[in-house]
Amino acid sequence: MINNISPVHYEKGSRVHSGENDCIGVLLIKKGELRIYILSEEGKEVTLYRLRDNEICILSASCILDNITFDVHVDAEVDSDVLLIDSYYYQQLCRQNIYAENFTDKLVIDSFSDVMWAMEQILFMSFDKRLAIFLLDEITRNQSESIELTHEQIAKYIGSAREVVSRMLKYFAQEGIVELSRGGVKVIDKKKLKQLIL
């Protein structure tokens, strides 16, 4: 395996993987953050999930995965250092080693679970709840009440339009739940935010 791994650096905003014709291999994230998303014909993006330090992106090797029939795209959200395992080698490894195959199946199931959660939110949950869940997840993930994301970025992450996000954040600010600043949001009343989810 060591002979089939390459260290790769991706600059913030760069495309890591784009659709079924781009089968780069399995990505082990040493440091950074990758966003996995789908893209409509009209160009609308829906974020499926994000991966951070010490996590593995298996869908970047979708060509070796049977029954994966949708195109996913992967972008670097921040400067990211990854270890790239060659897709052909990884496919051979899984064919020869039941433990590698089981490990891969678990990664795919975990990814599918994340995808279903994203779809469930978009299809069945009111927008204020979706935004509240996103903000709570972000402050937990970053261990900070401040979220350094633009309204455009938040819209990408939760599969909505920037205008809708801006309108709802303005409402949250009027209710004393958040404070808005240029390029960021600060949660000032976590309790009120949690009540929106109930």
N, C-alpha and C. Protein backbone atom coordinates (compact mmCIF):
# COMPACT_ATOMS: atom_id res chain seq x y z
N MET A 1 0.82 -1.20 0.00
CA MET A 1 0.00 0.00 0.00
C MET A 1 0.86 1.26 0.00
N ILE A 2 1.94 1.23 0.76
CA ILE A 2 2.81 2.41 0.85
C ILE A 2 3.29 2.85 -0.54
N ASN A 3 3.55 1.87 -1.41
CA ASN A 3 4.01 2.19 -2.76
C ASN A 3 2.91 2.77 -3.64
N ASN A 4 1.67 2.70 -3.19
CA ASN A 4 0.54 3.19 -3.99
C ASN A 4 -0.17 4.37 -3.34
N ILE A 5 0.53 5.04 -2.42
CA ILE A 5 -0.02 6.24 -1.76
C ILE A 5 0.81 7.46 -2.16
N SER A 6 0.13 8.54 -2.51
CA SER A 6 0.82 9.79 -2.84
C SER A 6 0.32 10.90 -1.94
N PRO A 7 1.23 11.69 -1.35
CA PRO A 7 0.78 12.88 -0.61
C PRO A 7 0.38 13.97 -1.60
N VAL A 8 -0.76 14.60 -1.36
CA VAL A 8 -1.25 15.65 -2.27
C VAL A 8 -1.71 16.84 -1.43
N HIS A 9 -1.42 18.03 -1.93
CA HIS A 9 -1.90 19.26 -1.27
C HIS A 9 -2.92 19.92 -2.18
N TYR A 10 -4.06 20.28 -1.61
CA TYR A 10 -5.10 21.00 -2.35
C TYR A 10 -5.28 22.39 -1.74
N GLU A 11 -5.24 23.40 -2.57
CA GLU A 11 -5.48 24.77 -2.11
C GLU A 11 -6.95 24.96 -1.80
N LYS A 12 -7.25 25.87 -0.90
CA LYS A 12 -8.63 26.21 -0.58
C LYS A 12 -9.40 26.57 -1.86
N GLY A 13 -10.58 25.97 -2.01
CA GLY A 13 -11.42 26.26 -3.17
C GLY A 13 -11.15 25.41 -4.39
N SER A 14 -10.12 24.56 -4.34
CA SER A 14 -9.80 23.77 -5.53
C SER A 14 -10.68 22.53 -5.64
N ARG A 15 -10.91 22.09 -6.87
CA ARG A 15 -11.71 20.90 -7.14
C ARG A 15 -10.83 19.67 -6.95
N VAL A 16 -11.30 18.75 -6.13
CA VAL A 16 -10.55 17.53 -5.84
C VAL A 16 -11.05 16.39 -6.73
N HIS A 17 -12.36 16.33 -6.91
CA HIS A 17 -12.98 15.23 -7.67
C HIS A 17 -14.24 15.79 -8.33
N SER A 18 -14.46 15.42 -9.60
CA SER A 18 -15.65 15.96 -10.27
C SER A 18 -16.34 14.90 -11.11
N GLY A 19 -17.27 14.20 -10.49
CA GLY A 19 -18.13 13.28 -11.22
C GLY A 19 -17.53 11.93 -11.53
N GLU A 20 -18.30 11.13 -12.26
CA GLU A 20 -17.95 9.73 -12.49
C GLU A 20 -16.71 9.53 -13.36
N ASN A 21 -16.40 10.51 -14.21
CA ASN A 21 -15.24 10.36 -15.10
C ASN A 21 -13.93 10.68 -14.41
N ASP A 22 -14.02 11.05 -13.16
CA ASP A 22 -12.85 11.47 -12.40
C ASP A 22 -12.70 10.53 -11.20
N CYS A 23 -11.93 9.46 -11.36
CA CYS A 23 -11.82 8.46 -10.28
C CYS A 23 -10.39 8.52 -9.74
N ILE A 24 -10.16 9.44 -8.83
CA ILE A 24 -8.79 9.69 -8.41
C ILE A 24 -8.28 8.68 -7.39
N GLY A 25 -9.18 8.11 -6.60
CA GLY A 25 -8.78 7.15 -5.57
C GLY A 25 -9.35 7.50 -4.22
N VAL A 26 -8.91 6.78 -3.21
CA VAL A 26 -9.39 6.99 -1.84
C VAL A 26 -8.54 8.07 -1.18
N LEU A 27 -9.20 9.02 -0.51
CA LEU A 27 -8.51 10.14 0.12
C LEU A 27 -8.49 9.99 1.63
N LEU A 28 -7.31 10.00 2.23
CA LEU A 28 -7.15 10.03 3.68
C LEU A 28 -6.75 11.45 4.04
N ILE A 29 -7.60 12.14 4.78
CA ILE A 29 -7.34 13.55 5.08
C ILE A 29 -6.41 13.66 6.29
N LYS A 30 -5.21 14.15 6.04
CA LYS A 30 -4.27 14.38 7.15
C LYS A 30 -4.66 15.66 7.88
N LYS A 31 -4.88 16.71 7.09
CA LYS A 31 -5.23 18.01 7.67
C LYS A 31 -6.03 18.78 6.64
N GLY A 32 -7.18 19.31 7.08
CA GLY A 32 -7.97 20.11 6.15
C GLY A 32 -9.45 19.78 6.24
N GLU A 33 -10.17 20.13 5.18
CA GLU A 33 -11.60 19.87 5.13
C GLU A 33 -12.05 19.75 3.68
N LEU A 34 -12.78 18.67 3.39
CA LEU A 34 -13.32 18.46 2.05
C LEU A 34 -14.84 18.49 2.13
N ARG A 35 -15.45 19.08 1.09
CA ARG A 35 -16.92 19.11 1.00
C ARG A 35 -17.35 18.20 -0.14
N ILE A 36 -18.27 17.28 0.17
CA ILE A 36 -18.79 16.35 -0.82
C ILE A 36 -20.20 16.82 -1.17
N TYR A 37 -20.47 17.01 -2.47
CA TYR A 37 -21.76 17.56 -2.86
C TYR A 37 -22.20 17.02 -4.22
N ILE A 38 -23.49 17.21 -4.52
CA ILE A 38 -24.01 16.88 -5.84
C ILE A 38 -24.39 18.19 -6.53
N LEU A 39 -24.45 18.14 -7.85
CA LEU A 39 -24.67 19.32 -8.66
C LEU A 39 -25.82 19.05 -9.62
N SER A 40 -26.82 19.94 -9.63
CA SER A 40 -27.95 19.77 -10.56
C SER A 40 -27.54 20.25 -11.95
N GLU A 41 -28.37 19.94 -12.95
CA GLU A 41 -28.10 20.41 -14.31
C GLU A 41 -28.09 21.92 -14.39
N GLU A 42 -28.86 22.57 -13.50
CA GLU A 42 -28.91 24.04 -13.49
C GLU A 42 -27.74 24.65 -12.72
N GLY A 43 -26.91 23.80 -12.12
CA GLY A 43 -25.75 24.30 -11.38
C GLY A 43 -25.97 24.49 -9.89
N LYS A 44 -27.14 24.05 -9.37
CA LYS A 44 -27.39 24.18 -7.93
C LYS A 44 -26.62 23.09 -7.18
N GLU A 45 -25.95 23.49 -6.12
CA GLU A 45 -25.16 22.55 -5.32
C GLU A 45 -25.93 22.16 -4.06
N VAL A 46 -25.84 20.88 -3.71
CA VAL A 46 -26.39 20.40 -2.45
C VAL A 46 -25.28 19.66 -1.72
N THR A 47 -24.87 20.19 -0.58
CA THR A 47 -23.81 19.55 0.21
C THR A 47 -24.36 18.30 0.87
N LEU A 48 -23.65 17.19 0.67
CA LEU A 48 -24.06 15.92 1.29
C LEU A 48 -23.43 15.78 2.67
N TYR A 49 -22.15 16.08 2.75
CA TYR A 49 -21.46 16.06 4.05
C TYR A 49 -20.07 16.65 3.87
N ARG A 50 -19.39 16.87 4.99
CA ARG A 50 -18.01 17.37 4.97
C ARG A 50 -17.13 16.43 5.77
N LEU A 51 -15.88 16.35 5.38
CA LEU A 51 -14.91 15.49 6.06
C LEU A 51 -13.74 16.34 6.52
N ARG A 52 -13.20 15.98 7.69
CA ARG A 52 -12.09 16.73 8.27
C ARG A 52 -10.91 15.82 8.60
N ASP A 53 -9.97 16.35 9.41
CA ASP A 53 -8.74 15.64 9.75
C ASP A 53 -9.02 14.18 10.14
N ASN A 54 -8.20 13.29 9.62
CA ASN A 54 -8.21 11.86 9.94
C ASN A 54 -9.45 11.11 9.44
N GLU A 55 -10.23 11.73 8.55
CA GLU A 55 -11.37 11.04 7.96
C GLU A 55 -11.04 10.59 6.54
N ILE A 56 -11.88 9.72 6.01
CA ILE A 56 -11.59 9.09 4.72
C ILE A 56 -12.71 9.38 3.73
N CYS A 57 -12.34 9.77 2.51
CA CYS A 57 -13.31 10.00 1.44
C CYS A 57 -13.24 8.82 0.48
N ILE A 58 -14.29 8.00 0.49
CA ILE A 58 -14.34 6.82 -0.38
C ILE A 58 -15.03 7.13 -1.71
N LEU A 59 -15.93 8.13 -1.71
CA LEU A 59 -16.69 8.40 -2.94
C LEU A 59 -15.84 9.03 -4.04
N SER A 60 -14.63 9.46 -3.71
CA SER A 60 -13.70 9.95 -4.73
C SER A 60 -13.14 8.80 -5.56
N ALA A 61 -13.43 7.57 -5.12
CA ALA A 61 -13.05 6.37 -5.88
C ALA A 61 -14.31 5.63 -6.31
N SER A 62 -15.35 6.40 -6.67
CA SER A 62 -16.65 5.79 -6.96
C SER A 62 -16.62 4.82 -8.14
N CYS A 63 -15.63 4.94 -9.03
CA CYS A 63 -15.55 4.03 -10.18
C CYS A 63 -15.29 2.58 -9.74
N ILE A 64 -14.74 2.39 -8.55
CA ILE A 64 -14.47 1.03 -8.10
C ILE A 64 -15.60 0.49 -7.22
N LEU A 65 -16.59 1.34 -6.97
CA LEU A 65 -17.70 0.94 -6.09
C LEU A 65 -18.89 0.52 -6.93
N ASP A 66 -19.29 -0.73 -6.82
CA ASP A 66 -20.46 -1.20 -7.53
C ASP A 66 -21.70 -0.51 -6.99
N ASN A 67 -22.66 -0.27 -7.86
CA ASN A 67 -23.98 0.27 -7.50
C ASN A 67 -23.97 1.73 -7.05
N ILE A 68 -22.86 2.45 -7.20
CA ILE A 68 -22.88 3.90 -6.96
C ILE A 68 -23.15 4.54 -8.32
N THR A 69 -24.35 5.06 -8.49
CA THR A 69 -24.76 5.53 -9.81
C THR A 69 -24.97 7.04 -9.89
N PHE A 70 -24.60 7.77 -8.84
CA PHE A 70 -24.76 9.22 -8.91
C PHE A 70 -23.38 9.88 -8.84
N ASP A 71 -23.27 11.02 -9.51
CA ASP A 71 -22.00 11.74 -9.55
C ASP A 71 -21.86 12.62 -8.31
N VAL A 72 -20.72 12.51 -7.65
CA VAL A 72 -20.44 13.40 -6.54
C VAL A 72 -19.23 14.26 -6.89
N HIS A 73 -19.18 15.43 -6.30
CA HIS A 73 -18.08 16.34 -6.49
C HIS A 73 -17.44 16.59 -5.12
N VAL A 74 -16.14 16.82 -5.13
CA VAL A 74 -15.41 17.05 -3.89
C VAL A 74 -14.55 18.30 -4.07
N ASP A 75 -14.69 19.26 -3.16
CA ASP A 75 -13.88 20.47 -3.16
C ASP A 75 -13.13 20.58 -1.84
N ALA A 76 -11.98 21.24 -1.89
CA ALA A 76 -11.23 21.55 -0.67
C ALA A 76 -11.80 22.85 -0.09
N GLU A 77 -12.31 22.79 1.13
CA GLU A 77 -12.88 23.97 1.78
C GLU A 77 -11.81 24.87 2.38
N VAL A 78 -10.70 24.25 2.78
CA VAL A 78 -9.54 24.98 3.29
C VAL A 78 -8.32 24.31 2.66
N ASP A 79 -7.14 24.91 2.82
CA ASP A 79 -5.92 24.24 2.36
C ASP A 79 -5.88 22.86 3.02
N SER A 80 -5.71 21.82 2.21
CA SER A 80 -5.82 20.45 2.73
C SER A 80 -4.67 19.58 2.26
N ASP A 81 -4.15 18.78 3.20
CA ASP A 81 -3.12 17.79 2.89
C ASP A 81 -3.75 16.42 3.02
N VAL A 82 -3.67 15.64 1.95
CA VAL A 82 -4.28 14.31 1.95
C VAL A 82 -3.29 13.27 1.46
N LEU A 83 -3.59 12.02 1.81
CA LEU A 83 -2.88 10.89 1.24
C LEU A 83 -3.83 10.24 0.25
N LEU A 84 -3.39 10.08 -0.98
CA LEU A 84 -4.23 9.55 -2.05
C LEU A 84 -3.82 8.12 -2.35
N ILE A 85 -4.77 7.18 -2.15
CA ILE A 85 -4.52 5.77 -2.47
C ILE A 85 -5.05 5.51 -3.87
N ASP A 86 -4.20 5.03 -4.74
CA ASP A 86 -4.55 4.75 -6.13
C ASP A 86 -5.80 3.87 -6.22
N SER A 87 -6.77 4.26 -7.06
CA SER A 87 -8.05 3.55 -7.12
C SER A 87 -7.90 2.11 -7.64
N TYR A 88 -7.05 1.92 -8.66
CA TYR A 88 -6.89 0.56 -9.20
C TYR A 88 -6.27 -0.36 -8.13
N TYR A 89 -5.25 0.14 -7.43
CA TYR A 89 -4.64 -0.65 -6.37
C TYR A 89 -5.66 -0.98 -5.28
N TYR A 90 -6.44 0.03 -4.88
CA TYR A 90 -7.41 -0.18 -3.80
C TYR A 90 -8.47 -1.21 -4.20
N GLN A 91 -8.86 -1.19 -5.46
CA GLN A 91 -9.84 -2.17 -5.95
C GLN A 91 -9.26 -3.59 -5.85
N GLN A 92 -8.00 -3.73 -6.24
CA GLN A 92 -7.34 -5.05 -6.15
C GLN A 92 -7.23 -5.49 -4.69
N LEU A 93 -6.90 -4.57 -3.80
CA LEU A 93 -6.78 -4.87 -2.38
C LEU A 93 -8.10 -5.41 -1.83
N CYS A 94 -9.19 -4.76 -2.18
CA CYS A 94 -10.52 -5.18 -1.69
C CYS A 94 -10.91 -6.55 -2.23
N ARG A 95 -10.48 -6.86 -3.44
CA ARG A 95 -10.80 -8.17 -4.03
C ARG A 95 -10.02 -9.29 -3.34
N GLN A 96 -8.83 -8.96 -2.83
CA GLN A 96 -7.97 -9.97 -2.25
C GLN A 96 -8.06 -10.06 -0.73
N ASN A 97 -8.66 -9.04 -0.10
CA ASN A 97 -8.64 -8.98 1.35
C ASN A 97 -10.04 -8.66 1.89
N ILE A 98 -10.64 -9.63 2.54
CA ILE A 98 -12.02 -9.48 3.03
C ILE A 98 -12.14 -8.35 4.05
N TYR A 99 -11.07 -8.10 4.83
CA TYR A 99 -11.11 -7.04 5.83
C TYR A 99 -11.13 -5.67 5.16
N ALA A 100 -10.36 -5.51 4.10
CA ALA A 100 -10.36 -4.25 3.34
C ALA A 100 -11.73 -4.04 2.69
N GLU A 101 -12.31 -5.12 2.18
CA GLU A 101 -13.63 -5.03 1.56
C GLU A 101 -14.70 -4.64 2.59
N ASN A 102 -14.66 -5.26 3.77
CA ASN A 102 -15.60 -4.93 4.84
C ASN A 102 -15.44 -3.48 5.30
N PHE A 103 -14.19 -3.05 5.43
CA PHE A 103 -13.90 -1.67 5.82
C PHE A 103 -14.48 -0.69 4.80
N THR A 104 -14.31 -1.01 3.53
CA THR A 104 -14.84 -0.16 2.44
C THR A 104 -16.36 -0.11 2.48
N ASP A 105 -16.97 -1.28 2.69
CA ASP A 105 -18.44 -1.33 2.77
C ASP A 105 -18.94 -0.47 3.92
N LYS A 106 -18.24 -0.48 5.04
CA LYS A 106 -18.64 0.34 6.20
C LYS A 106 -18.53 1.83 5.85
N LEU A 107 -17.46 2.21 5.17
CA LEU A 107 -17.30 3.61 4.76
C LEU A 107 -18.44 4.05 3.84
N VAL A 108 -18.81 3.17 2.91
CA VAL A 108 -19.90 3.48 1.97
C VAL A 108 -21.22 3.62 2.72
N ILE A 109 -21.48 2.72 3.67
CA ILE A 109 -22.72 2.78 4.46
C ILE A 109 -22.77 4.07 5.28
N ASP A 110 -21.64 4.43 5.90
CA ASP A 110 -21.59 5.68 6.67
C ASP A 110 -21.85 6.89 5.76
N SER A 111 -21.27 6.87 4.56
CA SER A 111 -21.48 7.96 3.61
C SER A 111 -22.95 8.03 3.20
N PHE A 112 -23.54 6.86 2.95
CA PHE A 112 -24.94 6.81 2.54
C PHE A 112 -25.85 7.35 3.65
N SER A 113 -25.51 7.04 4.88
CA SER A 113 -26.27 7.54 6.02
C SER A 113 -26.22 9.07 6.06
N ASP A 114 -25.04 9.65 5.82
CA ASP A 114 -24.90 11.11 5.78
C ASP A 114 -25.72 11.71 4.64
N VAL A 115 -25.70 11.04 3.48
CA VAL A 115 -26.45 11.51 2.32
C VAL A 115 -27.95 11.50 2.62
N MET A 116 -28.44 10.42 3.24
CA MET A 116 -29.86 10.32 3.56
C MET A 116 -30.27 11.39 4.58
N TRP A 117 -29.41 11.70 5.54
CA TRP A 117 -29.69 12.74 6.51
C TRP A 117 -29.84 14.10 5.81
N ALA A 118 -28.92 14.37 4.88
CA ALA A 118 -28.98 15.63 4.13
C ALA A 118 -30.28 15.72 3.32
N MET A 119 -30.64 14.63 2.65
CA MET A 119 -31.86 14.61 1.83
C MET A 119 -33.11 14.76 2.70
N GLU A 120 -33.12 14.09 3.83
CA GLU A 120 -34.26 14.15 4.75
C GLU A 120 -34.48 15.60 5.22
N GLN A 121 -33.39 16.28 5.55
CA GLN A 121 -33.49 17.67 5.98
C GLN A 121 -34.08 18.55 4.88
N ILE A 122 -33.56 18.39 3.66
CA ILE A 122 -34.00 19.22 2.54
C ILE A 122 -35.46 18.96 2.20
N LEU A 123 -35.85 17.70 2.21
CA LEU A 123 -37.19 17.34 1.76
C LEU A 123 -38.28 17.54 2.81
N PHE A 124 -37.95 17.27 4.07
CA PHE A 124 -39.01 17.19 5.08
C PHE A 124 -38.93 18.18 6.24
N MET A 125 -37.89 18.98 6.30
CA MET A 125 -37.72 19.83 7.46
C MET A 125 -37.89 21.30 7.08
N SER A 126 -38.54 22.08 7.94
CA SER A 126 -38.71 23.50 7.66
C SER A 126 -37.33 24.17 7.66
N PHE A 127 -37.24 25.29 6.93
CA PHE A 127 -35.93 25.92 6.75
C PHE A 127 -35.35 26.45 8.06
N ASP A 128 -36.19 27.00 8.94
CA ASP A 128 -35.65 27.54 10.19
C ASP A 128 -35.01 26.43 11.03
N LYS A 129 -35.61 25.23 11.01
CA LYS A 129 -35.03 24.09 11.74
C LYS A 129 -33.70 23.67 11.12
N ARG A 130 -33.69 23.59 9.79
CA ARG A 130 -32.45 23.20 9.10
C ARG A 130 -31.31 24.16 9.41
N LEU A 131 -31.62 25.44 9.39
CA LEU A 131 -30.58 26.44 9.67
C LEU A 131 -30.14 26.36 11.13
N ALA A 132 -31.10 26.16 12.04
CA ALA A 132 -30.76 26.04 13.47
C ALA A 132 -29.85 24.83 13.70
N ILE A 133 -30.18 23.69 13.08
CA ILE A 133 -29.35 22.48 13.22
C ILE A 133 -27.96 22.74 12.67
N PHE A 134 -27.88 23.40 11.52
CA PHE A 134 -26.57 23.70 10.92
C PHE A 134 -25.73 24.56 11.85
N LEU A 135 -26.33 25.63 12.39
CA LEU A 135 -25.58 26.53 13.27
C LEU A 135 -25.10 25.81 14.54
N LEU A 136 -25.97 24.99 15.12
CA LEU A 136 -25.58 24.23 16.32
C LEU A 136 -24.46 23.23 16.01
N ASP A 137 -24.57 22.56 14.86
CA ASP A 137 -23.51 21.62 14.45
C ASP A 137 -22.18 22.35 14.28
N GLU A 138 -22.22 23.54 13.67
CA GLU A 138 -21.00 24.29 13.42
C GLU A 138 -20.33 24.74 14.72
N ILE A 139 -21.12 25.26 15.67
CA ILE A 139 -20.48 25.73 16.91
C ILE A 139 -19.95 24.56 17.73
N THR A 140 -20.60 23.40 17.61
CA THR A 140 -20.09 22.20 18.29
C THR A 140 -18.82 21.72 17.63
N ARG A 141 -18.83 21.67 16.31
CA ARG A 141 -17.67 21.20 15.53
C ARG A 141 -16.45 22.08 15.76
N ASN A 142 -16.67 23.40 15.78
CA ASN A 142 -15.55 24.34 15.90
C ASN A 142 -15.25 24.74 17.35
N GLN A 143 -16.11 24.30 18.28
CA GLN A 143 -15.97 24.64 19.69
C GLN A 143 -15.82 26.15 19.88
N SER A 144 -16.69 26.87 19.16
CA SER A 144 -16.69 28.33 19.24
C SER A 144 -18.09 28.82 18.88
N GLU A 145 -18.52 29.90 19.53
CA GLU A 145 -19.84 30.46 19.24
C GLU A 145 -19.83 31.23 17.92
N SER A 146 -18.64 31.54 17.43
CA SER A 146 -18.52 32.30 16.17
C SER A 146 -18.33 31.35 14.99
N ILE A 147 -19.07 31.62 13.93
CA ILE A 147 -19.00 30.81 12.71
C ILE A 147 -18.51 31.72 11.59
N GLU A 148 -17.33 31.44 11.08
CA GLU A 148 -16.74 32.29 10.05
C GLU A 148 -17.12 31.76 8.66
N LEU A 149 -18.37 31.95 8.30
CA LEU A 149 -18.88 31.55 7.00
C LEU A 149 -19.77 32.66 6.45
N THR A 150 -19.71 32.87 5.15
CA THR A 150 -20.61 33.85 4.54
C THR A 150 -21.98 33.23 4.36
N HIS A 151 -22.97 34.08 4.09
CA HIS A 151 -24.32 33.57 3.83
C HIS A 151 -24.33 32.66 2.60
N GLU A 152 -23.49 33.00 1.63
CA GLU A 152 -23.37 32.18 0.41
C GLU A 152 -22.86 30.78 0.75
N GLN A 153 -21.84 30.69 1.60
CA GLN A 153 -21.30 29.40 1.99
C GLN A 153 -22.33 28.58 2.77
N ILE A 154 -23.03 29.22 3.69
CA ILE A 154 -24.05 28.51 4.46
C ILE A 154 -25.12 27.97 3.53
N ALA A 155 -25.52 28.78 2.55
CA ALA A 155 -26.53 28.35 1.57
C ALA A 155 -26.07 27.10 0.82
N LYS A 156 -24.80 27.06 0.43
CA LYS A 156 -24.24 25.88 -0.25
C LYS A 156 -24.33 24.65 0.64
N TYR A 157 -23.97 24.83 1.90
CA TYR A 157 -23.93 23.71 2.83
C TYR A 157 -25.31 23.11 3.10
N ILE A 158 -26.34 23.96 3.10
CA ILE A 158 -27.65 23.42 3.45
C ILE A 158 -28.60 23.35 2.26
N GLY A 159 -28.07 23.56 1.06
CA GLY A 159 -28.87 23.38 -0.14
C GLY A 159 -29.99 24.38 -0.28
N SER A 160 -29.65 25.66 -0.16
CA SER A 160 -30.66 26.70 -0.27
C SER A 160 -30.09 27.87 -1.06
N ALA A 161 -30.87 28.95 -1.14
CA ALA A 161 -30.41 30.16 -1.82
C ALA A 161 -29.88 31.15 -0.79
N ARG A 162 -28.90 31.95 -1.20
CA ARG A 162 -28.30 32.92 -0.28
C ARG A 162 -29.34 33.87 0.29
N GLU A 163 -30.28 34.30 -0.55
CA GLU A 163 -31.29 35.25 -0.11
C GLU A 163 -32.14 34.67 1.03
N VAL A 164 -32.47 33.38 0.91
CA VAL A 164 -33.28 32.71 1.94
C VAL A 164 -32.50 32.64 3.25
N VAL A 165 -31.23 32.29 3.15
CA VAL A 165 -30.36 32.22 4.34
C VAL A 165 -30.27 33.60 5.00
N SER A 166 -30.03 34.63 4.19
CA SER A 166 -29.89 35.98 4.72
C SER A 166 -31.16 36.43 5.44
N ARG A 167 -32.31 36.13 4.84
CA ARG A 167 -33.59 36.51 5.43
C ARG A 167 -33.80 35.83 6.79
N MET A 168 -33.49 34.52 6.85
CA MET A 168 -33.71 33.78 8.09
C MET A 168 -32.70 34.20 9.17
N LEU A 169 -31.45 34.46 8.78
CA LEU A 169 -30.45 34.92 9.75
C LEU A 169 -30.84 36.29 10.30
N LYS A 170 -31.39 37.14 9.43
CA LYS A 170 -31.84 38.45 9.88
C LYS A 170 -32.97 38.29 10.92
N TYR A 171 -33.86 37.35 10.65
CA TYR A 171 -34.94 37.06 11.61
C TYR A 171 -34.35 36.55 12.94
N PHE A 172 -33.37 35.61 12.84
CA PHE A 172 -32.71 35.09 14.05
C PHE A 172 -32.06 36.23 14.84
N ALA A 173 -31.48 37.19 14.12
CA ALA A 173 -30.82 38.32 14.78
C ALA A 173 -31.85 39.20 15.49
N GLN A 174 -32.98 39.42 14.84
CA GLN A 174 -34.05 40.22 15.46
C GLN A 174 -34.59 39.54 16.72
N GLU A 175 -34.55 38.21 16.75
CA GLU A 175 -35.03 37.45 17.90
C GLU A 175 -33.96 37.31 19.00
N GLY A 176 -32.79 37.87 18.75
CA GLY A 176 -31.72 37.82 19.74
C GLY A 176 -31.02 36.47 19.82
N ILE A 177 -31.10 35.69 18.74
CA ILE A 177 -30.47 34.37 18.73
C ILE A 177 -29.04 34.44 18.22
N VAL A 178 -28.82 35.30 17.22
CA VAL A 178 -27.48 35.43 16.64
C VAL A 178 -27.13 36.90 16.47
N GLU A 179 -25.84 37.15 16.29
CA GLU A 179 -25.34 38.46 15.88
C GLU A 179 -24.71 38.28 14.52
N LEU A 180 -24.98 39.17 13.60
CA LEU A 180 -24.43 39.06 12.25
C LEU A 180 -23.29 40.05 12.07
N SER A 181 -22.26 39.60 11.39
CA SER A 181 -21.15 40.49 11.05
C SER A 181 -20.70 40.15 9.63
N ARG A 182 -19.87 40.96 9.07
CA ARG A 182 -19.39 40.72 7.71
C ARG A 182 -18.60 39.40 7.67
N GLY A 183 -19.11 38.43 6.91
CA GLY A 183 -18.41 37.16 6.77
C GLY A 183 -18.53 36.23 7.96
N GLY A 184 -19.53 36.47 8.82
CA GLY A 184 -19.66 35.58 9.97
C GLY A 184 -20.97 35.72 10.72
N VAL A 185 -21.21 34.74 11.60
CA VAL A 185 -22.40 34.69 12.44
C VAL A 185 -21.94 34.28 13.83
N LYS A 186 -22.47 34.94 14.85
CA LYS A 186 -22.15 34.55 16.22
C LYS A 186 -23.43 34.15 16.93
N VAL A 187 -23.46 32.94 17.49
CA VAL A 187 -24.62 32.47 18.24
C VAL A 187 -24.56 33.07 19.63
N ILE A 188 -25.61 33.81 20.01
CA ILE A 188 -25.60 34.45 21.33
C ILE A 188 -26.65 33.86 22.27
N ASP A 189 -27.57 33.06 21.73
CA ASP A 189 -28.56 32.40 22.58
C ASP A 189 -28.78 30.97 22.07
N LYS A 190 -27.92 30.07 22.58
CA LYS A 190 -27.97 28.67 22.15
C LYS A 190 -29.30 28.00 22.56
N LYS A 191 -29.83 28.41 23.71
CA LYS A 191 -31.07 27.82 24.20
C LYS A 191 -32.23 28.08 23.24
N LYS A 192 -32.37 29.33 22.80
CA LYS A 192 -33.41 29.69 21.83
C LYS A 192 -33.23 28.93 20.52
N LEU A 193 -31.98 28.77 20.12
CA LEU A 193 -31.68 28.06 18.88
C LEU A 193 -32.12 26.61 18.99
N LYS A 194 -31.84 25.98 20.12
CA LYS A 194 -32.24 24.58 20.34
C LYS A 194 -33.77 24.44 20.37
N GLN A 195 -34.47 25.46 20.89
CA GLN A 195 -35.93 25.40 20.95
C GLN A 195 -36.55 25.38 19.56
N LEU A 196 -35.88 25.96 18.58
CA LEU A 196 -36.39 25.96 17.21
C LEU A 196 -36.44 24.56 16.62
N ILE A 197 -35.60 23.66 17.13
CA ILE A 197 -35.50 22.30 16.60
C ILE A 197 -36.60 21.41 17.18
N LEU A 198 -37.07 21.72 18.38
CA LEU A 198 -38.05 20.87 19.05
C LEU A 198 -39.41 20.93 18.40
